[in-house]
């Protein structure tokens, strides 16, 4: 009977789009070519890649262009003024905060009297990680990756040891290149044992290069011993007392699209047709043993996993509101055209005749134009200013509703006059939805960045990097700065009073100042400097207090 399919998944909020509705049967819309038309793509990746392309179109003000390709000819005149991009950038700024800092628990006690070797080791590891983050431009790469996570729902990092640089390198990949091999019964939060990074390289007719598919594969498997049935074991630097039978294999190859048969998906590409790439040192990247027992690919999702491996865009709940906003902006632009250049009806005017054609010339209205009207003549002007005012009010209404549903209050978007806020308490209440959104987004990322810093330590150990000790991996975490402006003077007064009265320690006060946005890079060093200055400023014993020679 041709019944429509009702599908609920991580991208069903886009089912109302013709381009996404066509993916319900596994066949992507032609407007989404070539990204999701390739035959080598896994079936379960089609809807995800289609959603990425739609979200990218909204971010670059091309949603109307994409809608026109799917059959909506009127969408070519659609006005798009960057509202989706503003929402994404605002959410990204609040997520990351003003600063990002690497902390290793226990490092703040390294300067204390009688500090143990654990505190000293934590402080040294914290400094190593911070030096690495500065060398690898971690904040800059986080900006690039996290913007994709907020917009598309996912981001991907790749870590690798670089012998030439003597450190671990960090790269970001488009999540559209990320294809994990997930077991049917696996928990969505589990780490996959096989991951592909793959994309299609387009044809270059000028250079005579045909279209090809590149696939980089990381796979966990048993260590090859070459001794038949015996299982090889390896002691890794981070667990020297616990032998492991597992290692990670790397393969990097290309296939000509012409060599792929229909139905051969990404995980089934024929190895006899593969052209494996070679490292600068001549090593062929065909199941290369990386000498590590983990996959150095990190997937970051924008939302907490709830039955899905992939995250959800922050635009998911407001996509239809953004469509309505664009349509209202389009109507407003049309109404403003008739308001600025109104339609005029003339009765009793004599039009000038074209001597060549003998037909009346069209009348044009411009400043200084004078029309001679006959007796009883009349000029009527179509006034659309009232409709324009209603449309502008409608635009503001939709924009406010989109901001509320996206949990980005108007004050966070900078559209509220500070004089309109009755009190600081009212401002704090209005920021409640934003606080909950930022807390949720940071919770989804907390363990991922802890895992990234864990991988950084272990890759340095595996590469025998100078200064990185052998032994268990120390826990480290990435702390985001405050996402909203704070009353720094009030917090400073609170710290001065609290530390002076002995209510809390100097270390706690320094951390409070860091959270408030004061430029304190290292809490431990700041405590040492403050203590040293206080000791040098304290007065010494007076002559009266000194013991006399007679005594």
Protein backbone atom coordinates (compact mmCIF):
# COMPACT_ATOMS: atom_id res chain seq x y z
CA UNK A 1 0.00 0.00 0.00
CA UNK A 2 3.06 2.27 0.01
CA UNK A 3 2.88 3.01 3.71
CA UNK A 4 5.46 5.48 4.96
CA UNK A 5 8.10 4.32 7.42
CA UNK A 6 8.19 5.85 10.87
CA UNK A 7 11.76 5.79 12.14
CA UNK A 8 13.08 7.08 15.45
CA UNK A 9 16.83 7.33 15.76
CA UNK A 10 19.53 9.88 16.59
CA UNK A 11 18.68 11.87 13.45
CA UNK A 12 14.90 11.48 13.25
CA UNK A 13 14.47 15.17 14.16
CA UNK A 14 15.45 15.85 10.54
CA UNK A 15 12.90 13.47 8.98
CA UNK A 16 10.72 16.40 7.90
CA UNK A 17 13.45 17.37 5.43
CA UNK A 18 12.99 15.79 1.96
CA UNK A 19 16.72 15.07 1.76
CA UNK A 20 16.58 13.10 5.02
CA UNK A 21 13.21 11.45 4.40
CA UNK A 22 14.68 9.78 1.32
CA UNK A 23 17.31 8.05 3.48
CA UNK A 24 14.67 6.01 5.32
CA UNK A 25 14.92 3.30 2.64
CA UNK A 26 18.71 3.52 2.48
CA UNK A 27 18.88 5.56 -0.75
CA UNK A 28 20.14 9.11 -0.17
CA UNK A 29 18.72 12.04 -2.07
CA UNK A 30 20.62 13.03 -5.20
CA UNK A 31 21.20 16.50 -3.71
CA UNK A 32 23.47 14.88 -1.10
CA UNK A 33 25.88 13.55 -3.74
CA UNK A 34 28.67 12.71 -3.77
CA UNK A 35 29.29 12.51 -0.01
CA UNK A 36 26.58 9.97 0.74
CA UNK A 37 26.11 8.40 -2.67
CA UNK A 38 29.27 6.28 -2.58
CA UNK A 39 28.64 2.55 -2.78
CA UNK A 40 31.37 1.74 -0.25
CA UNK A 41 29.62 3.55 2.60
CA UNK A 42 28.09 1.37 5.33
CA UNK A 43 24.29 1.47 5.32
CA UNK A 44 24.14 2.67 8.91
CA UNK A 45 26.29 5.71 8.05
CA UNK A 46 24.04 7.18 5.33
CA UNK A 47 21.65 9.04 7.62
CA UNK A 48 24.47 10.31 9.81
CA UNK A 49 26.39 11.76 6.86
CA UNK A 50 23.19 13.23 5.41
CA UNK A 51 22.52 14.95 8.74
CA UNK A 52 26.08 16.33 8.78
CA UNK A 53 25.63 17.83 5.33
CA UNK A 54 22.29 19.41 6.24
CA UNK A 55 23.73 20.91 9.42
CA UNK A 56 26.74 22.20 7.50
CA UNK A 57 24.39 23.88 5.03
CA UNK A 58 22.58 25.69 7.84
CA UNK A 59 25.88 26.81 9.34
CA UNK A 60 27.08 28.28 6.02
CA UNK A 61 23.74 29.91 5.04
CA UNK A 62 23.16 27.35 2.28
CA UNK A 63 20.02 25.65 3.58
CA UNK A 64 17.92 27.39 0.92
CA UNK A 65 20.29 26.28 -1.82
CA UNK A 66 20.10 22.68 -0.62
CA UNK A 67 16.30 22.86 -0.36
CA UNK A 68 16.13 24.13 -3.95
CA UNK A 69 18.10 21.08 -5.09
CA UNK A 70 15.53 18.80 -3.42
CA UNK A 71 12.68 20.33 -5.43
CA UNK A 72 11.64 23.45 -3.49
CA UNK A 73 12.20 26.10 -6.17
CA UNK A 74 10.95 28.93 -3.96
CA UNK A 75 13.76 28.19 -1.48
CA UNK A 76 16.26 29.80 -3.87
CA UNK A 77 14.98 33.21 -2.67
CA UNK A 78 15.30 32.29 0.98
CA UNK A 79 16.97 34.83 3.25
CA UNK A 80 19.50 33.42 5.73
CA UNK A 81 21.20 35.79 8.12
CA UNK A 82 23.47 33.46 10.12
CA UNK A 83 21.23 32.67 13.10
CA UNK A 84 22.28 28.97 13.29
CA UNK A 85 25.96 29.95 13.26
CA UNK A 86 25.38 32.46 16.08
CA UNK A 87 23.72 29.80 18.24
CA UNK A 88 26.58 27.36 17.62
CA UNK A 89 29.31 29.92 18.32
CA UNK A 90 27.58 31.09 21.49
CA UNK A 91 27.20 27.53 22.81
CA UNK A 92 30.83 26.80 21.93
CA UNK A 93 32.08 29.87 23.80
CA UNK A 94 30.14 28.94 26.93
CA UNK A 95 31.25 25.31 26.70
CA UNK A 96 34.98 26.06 26.52
CA UNK A 97 34.96 29.03 28.86
CA UNK A 98 37.73 31.60 28.84
CA UNK A 99 40.49 29.13 29.71
CA UNK A 100 41.27 25.42 29.59
CA UNK A 101 43.74 24.05 32.11
CA UNK A 102 45.33 20.64 32.62
CA UNK A 103 45.37 19.45 36.24
CA UNK A 104 46.93 16.37 37.81
CA UNK A 105 45.47 15.63 41.27
CA UNK A 106 48.06 16.06 44.01
CA UNK A 107 50.29 18.46 42.07
CA UNK A 108 49.18 21.40 44.21
CA UNK A 109 50.84 19.83 47.28
CA UNK A 110 54.30 19.47 45.73
CA UNK A 111 55.50 22.69 47.38
CA UNK A 112 54.28 21.79 50.85
CA UNK A 113 56.71 20.93 53.62
CA UNK A 114 57.22 17.21 53.73
CA UNK A 115 55.60 16.66 50.34
CA UNK A 116 55.85 13.02 49.29
CA UNK A 117 57.23 11.66 46.01
CA UNK A 118 53.67 11.20 44.71
CA UNK A 119 52.99 14.95 44.88
CA UNK A 120 56.32 15.76 43.21
CA UNK A 121 55.65 13.23 40.43
CA UNK A 122 52.16 14.68 39.91
CA UNK A 123 53.56 18.22 39.63
CA UNK A 124 56.21 17.12 37.14
CA UNK A 125 53.67 15.25 35.01
CA UNK A 126 51.31 18.23 35.10
CA UNK A 127 54.08 20.47 33.77
CA UNK A 128 54.98 17.97 31.03
CA UNK A 129 51.38 17.79 29.86
CA UNK A 130 51.05 21.57 29.87
CA UNK A 131 54.26 21.94 27.86
CA UNK A 132 52.98 19.36 25.38
CA UNK A 133 49.61 21.14 25.10
CA UNK A 134 51.37 24.42 24.36
CA UNK A 135 53.62 22.83 21.72
CA UNK A 136 50.69 21.07 20.04
CA UNK A 137 48.39 24.14 20.17
CA UNK A 138 45.80 22.18 22.12
CA UNK A 139 43.40 25.14 22.73
CA UNK A 140 43.38 25.95 19.00
CA UNK A 141 42.71 22.35 18.00
CA UNK A 142 40.01 22.09 20.64
CA UNK A 143 38.27 25.12 19.13
CA UNK A 144 38.19 23.43 15.73
CA UNK A 145 37.09 20.03 17.03
CA UNK A 146 34.54 21.27 19.55
CA UNK A 147 32.83 23.51 17.02
CA UNK A 148 32.16 20.43 14.92
CA UNK A 149 30.93 18.61 18.02
CA UNK A 150 28.49 21.41 18.89
CA UNK A 151 27.30 21.81 15.29
CA UNK A 152 27.31 18.19 14.05
CA UNK A 153 27.16 16.30 17.34
CA UNK A 154 30.56 14.62 16.99
CA UNK A 155 34.29 15.37 16.84
CA UNK A 156 37.33 13.16 16.28
CA UNK A 157 40.94 13.43 17.50
CA UNK A 158 43.87 11.35 16.27
CA UNK A 159 47.05 10.95 18.32
CA UNK A 160 50.35 9.70 16.88
CA UNK A 161 53.98 9.53 17.96
CA UNK A 162 56.28 11.67 15.78
CA UNK A 163 59.94 10.57 16.11
CA UNK A 164 61.17 13.69 14.29
CA UNK A 165 59.49 16.07 16.74
CA UNK A 166 60.07 13.81 19.71
CA UNK A 167 56.51 14.23 20.95
CA UNK A 168 52.93 13.12 20.38
CA UNK A 169 51.09 14.98 17.63
CA UNK A 170 47.40 15.76 17.74
CA UNK A 171 45.16 16.09 14.68
CA UNK A 172 41.44 16.67 14.27
CA UNK A 173 39.29 14.91 11.68
CA UNK A 174 35.88 15.64 10.28
CA UNK A 175 33.41 13.24 11.95
CA UNK A 176 32.16 12.34 8.47
CA UNK A 177 35.43 10.43 8.04
CA UNK A 178 34.89 8.41 11.23
CA UNK A 179 33.48 4.88 10.86
CA UNK A 180 33.70 2.72 14.00
CA UNK A 181 32.89 -0.97 13.74
CA UNK A 182 30.35 -1.47 16.53
CA UNK A 183 29.08 -4.83 17.72
CA UNK A 184 25.31 -5.26 17.73
CA UNK A 185 25.20 -6.02 21.46
CA UNK A 186 27.88 -3.52 22.49
CA UNK A 187 27.22 -0.72 24.92
CA UNK A 188 27.23 2.64 23.08
CA UNK A 189 29.80 3.93 25.53
CA UNK A 190 32.23 1.04 24.92
CA UNK A 191 35.41 1.70 22.98
CA UNK A 192 35.32 -0.07 19.58
CA UNK A 193 38.05 -2.57 18.76
CA UNK A 194 38.18 -1.56 15.10
CA UNK A 195 37.97 2.00 13.73
CA UNK A 196 38.18 3.32 10.16
CA UNK A 197 39.01 6.84 9.05
CA UNK A 198 37.95 6.92 5.40
CA UNK A 199 37.08 9.37 2.65
CA UNK A 200 36.81 9.50 -1.11
CA UNK A 201 39.47 11.37 -3.08
CA UNK A 202 37.83 12.93 -6.17
CA UNK A 203 39.02 12.33 -9.70
CA UNK A 204 41.65 14.65 -11.15
CA UNK A 205 41.30 14.44 -14.91
CA UNK A 206 44.09 16.96 -15.54
CA UNK A 207 46.62 14.79 -13.73
CA UNK A 208 45.10 11.54 -14.95
CA UNK A 209 44.18 10.36 -11.44
CA UNK A 210 40.97 8.37 -11.03
CA UNK A 211 38.62 8.61 -8.06
CA UNK A 212 39.81 6.50 -5.15
CA UNK A 213 38.96 5.64 -1.56
CA UNK A 214 41.47 6.03 1.25
CA UNK A 215 41.00 4.03 4.44
CA UNK A 216 43.09 4.27 7.62
CA UNK A 217 42.30 1.37 9.95
CA UNK A 218 43.17 0.90 13.61
CA UNK A 219 42.43 -2.55 15.02
CA UNK A 220 43.10 -4.26 18.33
CA UNK A 221 44.24 -7.86 18.07
CA UNK A 222 46.52 -10.52 19.54
CA UNK A 223 50.26 -9.94 19.28
CA UNK A 224 51.71 -11.92 16.38
CA UNK A 225 54.29 -14.31 17.79
CA UNK A 226 55.18 -16.30 14.70
CA UNK A 227 55.17 -19.46 16.86
CA UNK A 228 51.93 -20.97 15.72
CA UNK A 229 49.41 -21.49 18.50
CA UNK A 230 51.49 -19.83 21.24
CA UNK A 231 50.12 -16.53 22.51
CA UNK A 232 52.71 -13.74 22.63
CA UNK A 233 52.79 -11.41 25.61
CA UNK A 234 54.25 -7.91 25.93
CA UNK A 235 55.09 -5.70 28.88
CA UNK A 236 54.11 -2.13 28.17
CA UNK A 237 55.91 0.78 29.89
CA UNK A 238 52.75 1.87 31.73
CA UNK A 239 52.14 -1.61 33.16
CA UNK A 240 55.53 -3.35 33.40
CA UNK A 241 54.25 -5.86 35.94
CA UNK A 242 51.20 -6.91 33.92
CA UNK A 243 51.93 -8.62 30.55
CA UNK A 244 49.35 -8.00 27.81
CA UNK A 245 48.50 -10.16 24.77
CA UNK A 246 46.93 -7.23 22.85
CA UNK A 247 48.37 -4.69 20.44
CA UNK A 248 47.05 -2.14 17.95
CA UNK A 249 47.60 -2.61 14.21
CA UNK A 250 47.62 0.24 11.69
CA UNK A 251 46.76 -0.11 8.00
CA UNK A 252 46.66 2.76 5.49
CA UNK A 253 45.63 1.97 1.92
CA UNK A 254 43.84 3.30 -1.15
CA UNK A 255 41.46 1.65 -3.59
CA UNK A 256 40.39 2.78 -7.03
CA UNK A 257 36.62 3.28 -7.09
CA UNK A 258 36.51 1.34 -10.36
CA UNK A 259 37.91 -1.72 -8.57
CA UNK A 260 35.09 -1.83 -6.03
CA UNK A 261 32.11 -4.03 -6.70
CA UNK A 262 28.60 -3.05 -5.67
CA UNK A 263 27.89 -4.19 -2.14
CA UNK A 264 31.51 -4.06 -0.91
CA UNK A 265 31.24 -1.79 2.09
CA UNK A 266 34.06 -0.04 3.89
CA UNK A 267 34.84 -2.97 6.19
CA UNK A 268 34.93 -5.41 3.26
CA UNK A 269 37.20 -3.71 0.72
CA UNK A 270 39.30 -6.30 -1.20
CA UNK A 271 42.86 -6.42 0.12
CA UNK A 272 44.17 -7.77 -3.20
CA UNK A 273 43.15 -4.46 -4.83
CA UNK A 274 44.63 -2.29 -2.08
CA UNK A 275 47.55 0.06 -2.62
CA UNK A 276 49.18 0.33 0.82
CA UNK A 277 50.91 3.57 1.67
CA UNK A 278 54.52 3.76 2.85
CA UNK A 279 56.09 5.83 5.63
CA UNK A 280 59.08 8.08 4.92
CA UNK A 281 61.34 5.43 6.49
CA UNK A 282 60.12 2.83 3.98
CA UNK A 283 57.79 0.94 6.35
CA UNK A 284 54.68 -0.36 4.54
CA UNK A 285 51.52 0.44 6.49
CA UNK A 286 49.95 -3.00 6.25
CA UNK A 287 48.96 -4.15 9.75
CA UNK A 288 51.86 -2.27 11.30
CA UNK A 289 52.27 -3.10 14.99
CA UNK A 290 52.10 0.23 16.87
CA UNK A 291 53.39 -1.32 20.12
CA UNK A 292 50.44 0.01 22.12
CA UNK A 293 47.37 -1.75 23.48
CA UNK A 294 44.79 0.96 22.66
CA UNK A 295 43.42 2.73 19.58
CA UNK A 296 44.76 6.31 19.46
CA UNK A 297 41.51 7.68 17.99
CA UNK A 298 39.24 9.63 20.30
CA UNK A 299 35.58 10.30 19.48
CA UNK A 300 33.93 13.17 21.38
CA UNK A 301 30.12 13.38 21.41
CA UNK A 302 28.21 16.56 22.13
CA UNK A 303 25.66 14.81 24.35
CA UNK A 304 25.71 12.09 26.96
CA UNK A 305 25.37 8.66 25.33
CA UNK A 306 21.81 7.34 25.63
CA UNK A 307 21.64 4.23 23.49
CA UNK A 308 23.62 5.89 20.68
CA UNK A 309 27.34 5.98 19.99
CA UNK A 310 27.07 9.33 18.22
CA UNK A 311 26.04 12.64 19.73
CA UNK A 312 23.35 15.13 18.82
CA UNK A 313 23.74 18.65 17.47
CA UNK A 314 22.72 21.53 19.70
CA UNK A 315 20.53 22.69 16.77
CA UNK A 316 18.49 19.48 16.86
CA UNK A 317 15.59 20.81 18.91
CA UNK A 318 15.35 24.16 17.13
CA UNK A 319 15.79 23.20 13.48
CA UNK A 320 12.17 23.85 12.53
CA UNK A 321 12.25 27.16 14.42
CA UNK A 322 15.27 28.16 12.34
CA UNK A 323 13.34 27.27 9.18
CA UNK A 324 10.42 29.40 10.34
CA UNK A 325 12.79 32.24 11.18
CA UNK A 326 14.35 32.14 7.71
CA UNK A 327 10.92 32.10 6.03
CA UNK A 328 9.76 35.06 8.12
CA UNK A 329 12.96 36.94 7.29
CA UNK A 330 12.24 36.26 3.62
CA UNK A 331 8.68 37.61 3.93
CA UNK A 332 10.01 40.61 5.82
CA UNK A 333 12.51 41.35 3.05
CA UNK A 334 9.75 41.21 0.45
CA UNK A 335 7.51 43.48 2.52
CA UNK A 336 10.33 45.97 3.06
CA UNK A 337 10.82 46.13 -0.70
CA UNK A 338 7.21 47.25 -1.25
CA UNK A 339 7.46 49.62 1.71
CA UNK A 340 10.65 51.30 0.52
CA UNK A 341 9.53 51.37 -3.10
CA UNK A 342 5.73 51.27 -2.85
CA UNK A 343 3.35 50.23 -5.60
CA UNK A 344 1.65 53.32 -7.03
CA UNK A 345 -1.57 53.45 -9.03
CA UNK A 346 -2.19 56.49 -11.27
CA UNK A 347 -5.51 57.55 -12.77
CA UNK A 348 -5.73 60.40 -15.31
CA UNK A 349 -2.00 60.62 -16.04
CA UNK A 350 -0.77 61.02 -19.59
CA UNK A 351 2.13 58.69 -20.34
CA UNK A 352 4.88 59.65 -22.76
CA UNK A 353 4.76 57.71 -26.05
CA UNK A 354 7.77 55.92 -27.44
CA UNK A 355 8.34 57.30 -30.93
CA UNK A 356 9.84 54.06 -32.18
CA UNK A 357 7.23 51.58 -30.99
CA UNK A 358 4.32 53.97 -30.61
CA UNK A 359 3.56 52.52 -27.20
CA UNK A 360 3.37 54.40 -23.88
CA UNK A 361 6.59 54.36 -21.90
CA UNK A 362 6.41 52.82 -18.44
CA UNK A 363 6.21 55.35 -15.65
CA UNK A 364 9.10 55.52 -13.17
CA UNK A 365 8.91 57.09 -9.72
CA UNK A 366 12.01 58.84 -8.41
CA UNK A 367 12.74 61.93 -6.32
CA UNK A 368 11.55 65.08 -8.09
CA UNK A 369 9.16 63.25 -10.41
CA UNK A 370 6.08 65.29 -11.39
CA UNK A 371 2.95 63.71 -12.90
CA UNK A 372 0.36 65.84 -14.67
CA UNK A 373 -3.07 64.48 -13.85
CA UNK A 374 -6.27 65.28 -15.69
CA UNK A 375 -9.38 66.54 -13.93
CA UNK A 376 -10.47 63.86 -11.47
CA UNK A 377 -7.04 62.22 -11.62
CA UNK A 378 -5.85 60.26 -8.64
CA UNK A 379 -2.68 58.63 -7.26
CA UNK A 380 -3.02 55.69 -4.85
CA UNK A 381 -0.07 54.26 -2.86
CA UNK A 382 -0.05 50.71 -1.46
CA UNK A 383 1.09 51.02 2.18
CA UNK A 384 2.63 47.77 3.53
CA UNK A 385 4.38 49.29 6.56
CA UNK A 386 1.92 47.72 8.99
CA UNK A 387 2.58 44.24 7.59
CA UNK A 388 6.32 44.89 7.82
CA UNK A 389 6.00 45.83 11.50
CA UNK A 390 4.07 42.62 12.19
CA UNK A 391 6.70 40.53 10.41
CA UNK A 392 9.50 42.14 12.39
CA UNK A 393 7.66 41.41 15.61
CA UNK A 394 7.19 37.83 14.43
CA UNK A 395 10.94 37.53 13.76
CA UNK A 396 11.74 38.58 17.32
CA UNK A 397 9.16 36.16 18.70
CA UNK A 398 10.62 33.20 16.80
CA UNK A 399 14.18 34.18 17.66
CA UNK A 400 13.33 34.33 21.36
CA UNK A 401 11.59 30.96 21.22
CA UNK A 402 14.53 29.37 19.42
CA UNK A 403 16.90 30.77 22.06
CA UNK A 404 14.73 29.42 24.89
CA UNK A 405 14.45 25.95 23.35
CA UNK A 406 18.18 25.89 22.66
CA UNK A 407 18.76 26.84 26.32
CA UNK A 408 20.61 29.98 25.30
CA UNK A 409 18.86 32.86 27.11
CA UNK A 410 18.78 36.25 25.45
CA UNK A 411 21.28 37.59 27.97
CA UNK A 412 23.85 35.00 26.82
CA UNK A 413 23.32 36.06 23.20
CA UNK A 414 23.94 39.70 24.07
CA UNK A 415 20.49 40.85 22.97
CA UNK A 416 19.33 42.15 26.36
CA UNK A 417 19.89 45.69 27.56
CA UNK A 418 21.61 45.49 30.99
CA UNK A 419 19.29 48.20 32.26
CA UNK A 420 16.34 45.88 31.63
CA UNK A 421 17.61 43.34 34.20
CA UNK A 422 15.95 44.13 37.55
CA UNK A 423 18.63 42.53 39.75
CA UNK A 424 21.62 40.21 39.78
CA UNK A 425 19.46 37.48 41.29
CA UNK A 426 17.01 37.73 38.40
CA UNK A 427 19.94 37.53 35.98
CA UNK A 428 21.22 34.40 37.73
CA UNK A 429 17.78 32.78 37.52
CA UNK A 430 17.56 33.53 33.80
CA UNK A 431 20.91 31.80 33.26
CA UNK A 432 19.71 28.56 34.84
CA UNK A 433 18.99 26.77 31.52
CA UNK A 434 22.38 27.80 30.17
CA UNK A 435 24.12 26.46 33.28
CA UNK A 436 22.41 23.10 32.94
CA UNK A 437 23.26 22.88 29.24
CA UNK A 438 26.94 23.67 29.84
CA UNK A 439 27.12 21.19 32.73
CA UNK A 440 25.61 18.47 30.54
CA UNK A 441 27.97 19.17 27.63
CA UNK A 442 31.02 19.21 29.90
CA UNK A 443 29.92 15.99 31.57
CA UNK A 444 29.79 14.27 28.17
CA UNK A 445 33.39 15.34 27.53
CA UNK A 446 35.02 14.94 30.95
CA UNK A 447 36.07 11.30 30.62
CA UNK A 448 37.01 11.74 26.94
CA UNK A 449 39.60 14.42 27.66
CA UNK A 450 40.88 12.44 30.64
CA UNK A 451 41.33 9.55 28.20
CA UNK A 452 43.11 11.84 25.72
CA UNK A 453 45.63 12.93 28.36
CA UNK A 454 46.09 9.29 29.37
CA UNK A 455 46.88 8.39 25.74
CA UNK A 456 49.35 11.29 25.51
CA UNK A 457 51.29 9.95 28.48
CA UNK A 458 51.36 6.38 27.20
CA UNK A 459 52.39 7.34 23.66
CA UNK A 460 55.30 9.32 25.08
CA UNK A 461 56.25 6.31 27.17
CA UNK A 462 55.99 3.99 24.15
CA UNK A 463 58.16 6.40 22.13
CA UNK A 464 60.75 6.49 24.91
CA UNK A 465 60.47 10.28 25.06
CA UNK A 466 63.06 11.98 27.19
CA UNK A 467 61.78 12.97 30.63
CA UNK A 468 58.66 10.80 30.57
CA UNK A 469 59.10 8.14 33.28
CA UNK A 470 58.20 4.49 33.01
CA UNK A 471 55.37 3.39 35.26
CA UNK A 472 51.63 3.67 35.86
CA UNK A 473 49.76 6.45 34.11
CA UNK A 474 48.83 9.34 36.38
CA UNK A 475 45.24 10.57 36.26
CA UNK A 476 44.89 13.97 34.58
CA UNK A 477 41.89 16.04 33.62
CA UNK A 478 41.09 19.09 31.55
CA UNK A 479 39.29 21.83 33.46
CA UNK A 480 37.23 24.41 31.58
CA UNK A 481 37.10 27.97 32.86
CA UNK A 482 33.95 29.83 33.97
CA UNK A 483 31.43 30.20 31.17
CA UNK A 484 29.83 33.40 32.45
CA UNK A 485 31.25 36.68 33.76
CA UNK A 486 31.67 36.74 37.53
CA UNK A 487 31.80 39.48 40.12
CA UNK A 488 35.57 39.31 40.53
CA UNK A 489 35.75 42.03 43.17
CA UNK A 490 33.19 40.26 45.37
CA UNK A 491 35.08 36.98 45.08
CA UNK A 492 38.39 38.70 45.86
CA UNK A 493 36.90 40.24 49.01
CA UNK A 494 35.50 36.86 49.99
CA UNK A 495 38.90 35.19 49.55
CA UNK A 496 40.73 37.88 51.54
CA UNK A 497 38.28 37.63 54.41
CA UNK A 498 38.11 33.83 54.36
CA UNK A 499 41.86 33.26 54.25
CA UNK A 500 42.51 36.02 56.80
CA UNK A 501 39.99 34.53 59.22
CA UNK A 502 41.33 31.03 58.70
CA UNK A 503 38.00 29.74 57.40
CA UNK A 504 39.66 28.10 54.42
CA UNK A 505 43.25 27.59 53.24
CA UNK A 506 45.30 29.79 50.95
CA UNK A 507 45.27 27.01 48.32
CA UNK A 508 41.46 27.00 48.27
CA UNK A 509 41.41 30.78 47.95
CA UNK A 510 43.81 30.65 44.98
CA UNK A 511 41.57 28.11 43.25
CA UNK A 512 38.56 30.36 43.81
CA UNK A 513 40.44 33.23 42.17
CA UNK A 514 41.36 30.97 39.24
CA UNK A 515 37.72 30.02 38.76
CA UNK A 516 36.78 33.71 38.82
CA UNK A 517 39.09 34.39 35.89
CA UNK A 518 42.15 35.89 37.56
CA UNK A 519 45.31 35.24 35.48
CA UNK A 520 46.85 32.66 37.83
CA UNK A 521 48.48 29.92 35.76
CA UNK A 522 49.74 27.65 38.55
CA UNK A 523 48.09 27.61 41.97
CA UNK A 524 51.06 25.94 43.66
CA UNK A 525 53.58 28.47 42.38
CA UNK A 526 51.26 31.32 43.36
CA UNK A 527 51.05 29.98 46.92
CA UNK A 528 54.85 29.74 47.09
CA UNK A 529 55.26 33.34 45.89
CA UNK A 530 52.68 34.68 48.33
CA UNK A 531 54.23 32.78 51.25
CA UNK A 532 57.74 33.94 50.36
CA UNK A 533 56.70 37.58 50.14
CA UNK A 534 54.83 37.37 53.44
CA UNK A 535 57.91 35.92 55.14
CA UNK A 536 60.24 38.59 53.73
CA UNK A 537 57.86 41.38 54.70
CA UNK A 538 57.50 40.24 58.33
CA UNK A 539 59.56 42.47 60.70
CA UNK A 540 62.61 40.97 62.46
CA UNK A 541 63.33 41.16 66.22
CA UNK A 542 63.96 44.65 67.63
CA UNK A 543 66.95 45.71 69.78
CA UNK A 544 64.77 45.48 72.86
CA UNK A 545 63.74 41.94 72.00
CA UNK A 546 67.34 40.77 71.43
CA UNK A 547 69.11 39.22 74.47
CA UNK A 548 71.94 41.33 75.95
CA UNK A 549 75.53 40.08 76.22
CA UNK A 550 75.31 40.12 80.01
CA UNK A 551 72.36 37.82 80.04
